[in-house]
N, C-alpha and C. Protein backbone atom coordinates (compact mmCIF):
# COMPACT_ATOMS: atom_id res chain seq x y z
N UNK A 1 186.98 -32.63 125.26
CA UNK A 1 188.33 -32.16 125.03
C UNK A 1 189.36 -33.26 125.31
N UNK A 2 189.13 -34.02 126.38
CA UNK A 2 190.06 -35.10 126.70
C UNK A 2 190.02 -36.18 125.63
N UNK A 3 188.86 -36.39 125.03
CA UNK A 3 188.75 -37.39 123.97
C UNK A 3 189.59 -37.00 122.76
N UNK A 4 189.59 -35.72 122.43
CA UNK A 4 190.40 -35.24 121.32
C UNK A 4 191.89 -35.39 121.62
N UNK A 5 192.28 -35.08 122.84
CA UNK A 5 193.69 -35.22 123.23
C UNK A 5 194.11 -36.69 123.22
N UNK A 6 193.24 -37.57 123.69
CA UNK A 6 193.54 -39.00 123.67
C UNK A 6 193.65 -39.53 122.24
N UNK A 7 192.78 -39.06 121.37
CA UNK A 7 192.84 -39.50 119.97
C UNK A 7 194.12 -39.01 119.30
N UNK A 8 194.51 -37.77 119.56
CA UNK A 8 195.74 -37.23 118.98
C UNK A 8 196.96 -37.98 119.50
N UNK A 9 197.01 -38.23 120.80
CA UNK A 9 198.14 -38.95 121.38
C UNK A 9 198.20 -40.39 120.87
N UNK A 10 197.05 -41.02 120.72
CA UNK A 10 197.02 -42.38 120.19
C UNK A 10 197.53 -42.41 118.76
N UNK A 11 197.14 -41.43 117.97
CA UNK A 11 197.64 -41.35 116.60
C UNK A 11 199.14 -41.14 116.54
N UNK A 12 199.66 -40.29 117.41
CA UNK A 12 201.11 -40.04 117.44
C UNK A 12 201.88 -41.29 117.85
N UNK A 13 201.43 -41.97 118.88
CA UNK A 13 202.13 -43.18 119.32
C UNK A 13 201.99 -44.32 118.31
N UNK A 14 200.86 -44.39 117.62
CA UNK A 14 200.70 -45.40 116.58
C UNK A 14 201.64 -45.13 115.41
N UNK A 15 201.77 -43.87 115.03
CA UNK A 15 202.72 -43.51 113.97
C UNK A 15 204.14 -43.85 114.39
N UNK A 16 204.49 -43.55 115.62
CA UNK A 16 205.81 -43.91 116.12
C UNK A 16 206.03 -45.41 116.13
N UNK A 17 204.99 -46.16 116.45
CA UNK A 17 205.08 -47.62 116.44
C UNK A 17 205.32 -48.15 115.04
N UNK A 18 204.65 -47.58 114.06
CA UNK A 18 204.84 -48.01 112.68
C UNK A 18 206.23 -47.65 112.16
N UNK A 19 206.72 -46.47 112.51
CA UNK A 19 208.07 -46.08 112.09
C UNK A 19 209.13 -46.96 112.74
N UNK A 20 208.91 -47.34 113.99
CA UNK A 20 209.85 -48.25 114.64
C UNK A 20 209.77 -49.66 114.06
N UNK A 21 208.60 -50.06 113.62
CA UNK A 21 208.49 -51.35 112.95
C UNK A 21 209.30 -51.35 111.66
N UNK A 22 209.27 -50.23 110.94
CA UNK A 22 210.10 -50.11 109.74
C UNK A 22 211.58 -50.21 110.09
N UNK A 23 211.99 -49.55 111.16
CA UNK A 23 213.41 -49.60 111.56
C UNK A 23 213.78 -51.01 112.03
N UNK A 24 212.84 -51.70 112.66
CA UNK A 24 213.11 -53.07 113.12
C UNK A 24 213.36 -54.00 111.93
N UNK A 25 212.57 -53.85 110.89
CA UNK A 25 212.71 -54.71 109.72
C UNK A 25 213.91 -54.29 108.88
N UNK A 26 214.12 -53.00 108.75
CA UNK A 26 215.11 -52.46 107.82
C UNK A 26 216.47 -52.20 108.45
N UNK A 27 216.57 -52.23 109.78
CA UNK A 27 217.80 -51.85 110.46
C UNK A 27 219.03 -52.55 109.94
N UNK A 28 220.08 -51.81 109.63
CA UNK A 28 221.26 -52.46 109.07
C UNK A 28 222.07 -53.26 110.09
N UNK A 29 222.00 -52.88 111.36
CA UNK A 29 222.78 -53.58 112.38
C UNK A 29 221.84 -54.10 113.46
N UNK A 30 222.39 -54.98 114.29
CA UNK A 30 221.60 -55.54 115.40
C UNK A 30 221.29 -54.47 116.44
N UNK A 31 222.19 -53.52 116.63
CA UNK A 31 221.95 -52.46 117.62
C UNK A 31 220.75 -51.61 117.22
N UNK A 32 220.58 -51.35 115.93
CA UNK A 32 219.40 -50.60 115.47
C UNK A 32 218.12 -51.37 115.74
N UNK A 33 218.18 -52.67 115.57
CA UNK A 33 217.00 -53.49 115.82
C UNK A 33 216.66 -53.55 117.31
N UNK A 34 217.68 -53.59 118.16
CA UNK A 34 217.45 -53.60 119.60
C UNK A 34 216.79 -52.30 120.04
N UNK A 35 217.32 -51.17 119.55
CA UNK A 35 216.74 -49.88 119.91
C UNK A 35 215.32 -49.73 119.38
N UNK A 36 215.07 -50.21 118.17
CA UNK A 36 213.72 -50.14 117.62
C UNK A 36 212.75 -50.99 118.43
N UNK A 37 213.18 -52.17 118.84
CA UNK A 37 212.32 -53.04 119.64
C UNK A 37 212.04 -52.43 121.01
N UNK A 38 213.04 -51.83 121.62
CA UNK A 38 212.86 -51.19 122.91
C UNK A 38 211.91 -50.00 122.80
N UNK A 39 212.05 -49.22 121.74
CA UNK A 39 211.16 -48.08 121.54
C UNK A 39 209.74 -48.54 121.23
N UNK A 40 209.61 -49.66 120.54
CA UNK A 40 208.28 -50.20 120.29
C UNK A 40 207.60 -50.63 121.59
N UNK A 41 208.36 -51.19 122.50
CA UNK A 41 207.80 -51.57 123.80
C UNK A 41 207.31 -50.32 124.54
N UNK A 42 208.09 -49.25 124.48
CA UNK A 42 207.68 -48.00 125.13
C UNK A 42 206.41 -47.45 124.49
N UNK A 43 206.31 -47.51 123.17
CA UNK A 43 205.11 -47.03 122.50
C UNK A 43 203.89 -47.88 122.83
N UNK A 44 204.06 -49.18 122.94
CA UNK A 44 202.94 -50.05 123.32
C UNK A 44 202.50 -49.75 124.75
N UNK A 45 203.45 -49.50 125.63
CA UNK A 45 203.10 -49.13 127.00
C UNK A 45 202.30 -47.84 127.02
N UNK A 46 202.72 -46.87 126.23
CA UNK A 46 201.99 -45.61 126.16
C UNK A 46 200.58 -45.82 125.62
N UNK A 47 200.42 -46.67 124.62
CA UNK A 47 199.09 -46.94 124.09
C UNK A 47 198.20 -47.64 125.12
N UNK A 48 198.77 -48.53 125.90
CA UNK A 48 198.00 -49.21 126.94
C UNK A 48 197.56 -48.21 128.01
N UNK A 49 198.45 -47.31 128.39
CA UNK A 49 198.09 -46.29 129.38
C UNK A 49 197.00 -45.37 128.84
N UNK A 50 197.12 -44.97 127.58
CA UNK A 50 196.08 -44.13 126.98
C UNK A 50 194.74 -44.85 126.93
N UNK A 51 194.76 -46.13 126.63
CA UNK A 51 193.51 -46.90 126.63
C UNK A 51 192.92 -46.98 128.03
N UNK A 52 193.78 -47.15 129.03
CA UNK A 52 193.30 -47.17 130.41
C UNK A 52 192.68 -45.85 130.83
N UNK A 53 193.25 -44.75 130.36
CA UNK A 53 192.66 -43.43 130.64
C UNK A 53 191.32 -43.30 129.93
N UNK A 54 191.27 -43.80 128.68
CA UNK A 54 190.06 -43.66 127.89
C UNK A 54 188.88 -44.41 128.50
N UNK A 55 189.10 -45.63 129.00
CA UNK A 55 187.98 -46.39 129.58
C UNK A 55 187.89 -46.23 131.10
N UNK A 56 188.78 -45.41 131.67
CA UNK A 56 188.78 -45.09 133.09
C UNK A 56 188.93 -46.35 133.95
N UNK A 57 190.01 -47.09 133.67
CA UNK A 57 190.31 -48.31 134.41
C UNK A 57 191.75 -48.26 134.91
N UNK A 58 191.96 -48.68 136.14
CA UNK A 58 193.30 -48.67 136.71
C UNK A 58 194.06 -49.97 136.44
N UNK A 59 193.38 -50.97 135.95
CA UNK A 59 194.02 -52.25 135.68
C UNK A 59 195.09 -52.13 134.60
N UNK A 60 194.85 -51.29 133.62
CA UNK A 60 195.78 -51.16 132.52
C UNK A 60 197.09 -50.51 132.94
N UNK A 61 197.08 -49.74 134.00
CA UNK A 61 198.32 -49.16 134.50
C UNK A 61 199.22 -50.25 135.10
N UNK A 62 198.61 -51.20 135.78
CA UNK A 62 199.38 -52.32 136.32
C UNK A 62 199.92 -53.21 135.20
N UNK A 63 199.13 -53.40 134.18
CA UNK A 63 199.58 -54.19 133.03
C UNK A 63 200.74 -53.49 132.34
N UNK A 64 200.67 -52.18 132.23
CA UNK A 64 201.75 -51.44 131.58
C UNK A 64 203.05 -51.52 132.39
N UNK A 65 202.95 -51.53 133.70
CA UNK A 65 204.15 -51.68 134.53
C UNK A 65 204.76 -53.07 134.35
N UNK A 66 203.93 -54.08 134.25
CA UNK A 66 204.42 -55.45 134.02
C UNK A 66 205.11 -55.56 132.67
N UNK A 67 204.52 -54.98 131.64
CA UNK A 67 205.14 -55.01 130.31
C UNK A 67 206.44 -54.22 130.31
N UNK A 68 206.51 -53.13 131.06
CA UNK A 68 207.75 -52.36 131.13
C UNK A 68 208.87 -53.18 131.76
N UNK A 69 208.55 -53.91 132.81
CA UNK A 69 209.59 -54.74 133.45
C UNK A 69 210.06 -55.86 132.52
N UNK A 70 209.12 -56.51 131.85
CA UNK A 70 209.49 -57.58 130.92
C UNK A 70 210.28 -57.01 129.75
N UNK A 71 209.90 -55.85 129.26
CA UNK A 71 210.62 -55.22 128.17
C UNK A 71 212.04 -54.85 128.54
N UNK A 72 212.23 -54.35 129.76
CA UNK A 72 213.58 -54.00 130.21
C UNK A 72 214.46 -55.24 130.30
N UNK A 73 213.94 -56.29 130.91
CA UNK A 73 214.73 -57.52 131.06
C UNK A 73 215.05 -58.13 129.70
N UNK A 74 214.10 -58.11 128.79
CA UNK A 74 214.36 -58.69 127.47
C UNK A 74 215.37 -57.86 126.68
N UNK A 75 215.35 -56.54 126.84
CA UNK A 75 216.34 -55.71 126.16
C UNK A 75 217.74 -55.97 126.70
N UNK A 76 217.87 -56.08 128.01
CA UNK A 76 219.18 -56.37 128.61
C UNK A 76 219.67 -57.75 128.17
N UNK A 77 218.78 -58.73 128.16
CA UNK A 77 219.17 -60.08 127.76
C UNK A 77 219.59 -60.12 126.29
N UNK A 78 218.88 -59.43 125.44
CA UNK A 78 219.23 -59.42 124.02
C UNK A 78 220.56 -58.71 123.79
N UNK A 79 220.81 -57.62 124.51
CA UNK A 79 222.10 -56.93 124.40
C UNK A 79 223.25 -57.81 124.87
N UNK A 80 223.05 -58.52 125.96
CA UNK A 80 224.10 -59.44 126.44
C UNK A 80 224.35 -60.56 125.45
N UNK A 81 223.30 -61.04 124.83
CA UNK A 81 223.47 -62.10 123.84
C UNK A 81 224.25 -61.60 122.63
N UNK A 82 223.96 -60.38 122.19
CA UNK A 82 224.67 -59.82 121.04
C UNK A 82 226.13 -59.57 121.39
N UNK A 83 226.40 -59.04 122.58
CA UNK A 83 227.77 -58.67 122.94
C UNK A 83 228.63 -59.86 123.33
N UNK A 84 228.08 -60.79 124.11
CA UNK A 84 228.89 -61.87 124.69
C UNK A 84 228.63 -63.24 124.08
N UNK A 85 227.51 -63.42 123.46
CA UNK A 85 227.20 -64.73 122.90
C UNK A 85 226.40 -65.61 123.83
N UNK A 86 226.30 -65.24 125.11
CA UNK A 86 225.45 -65.98 126.04
C UNK A 86 224.73 -64.99 126.95
N UNK A 87 223.64 -65.43 127.52
CA UNK A 87 222.84 -64.54 128.35
C UNK A 87 223.22 -64.69 129.81
N UNK A 88 223.38 -65.91 130.27
CA UNK A 88 223.69 -66.18 131.67
C UNK A 88 225.18 -66.44 131.79
N UNK A 89 225.79 -65.77 132.74
CA UNK A 89 227.24 -65.93 132.92
C UNK A 89 227.57 -67.15 133.74
């Protein structure tokens, strides 16, 4: 039963990842691209966590936390670059 739930969740997050990839490429403004990239990072984190559950390993949870931190910092840096023109004040 857990295998079926993991497969369904993986399919849903993969579909979300593909739709966000479309928005990243097609987005009319930079803000749409930033949001699509941030949502793609969240979907990748979810897929990594699901894979960790599937193979019963705790290492992937630590990797997902590291990717979440890097994703947050990169989103903030990209927003600052778009708004101000520089990242470091």
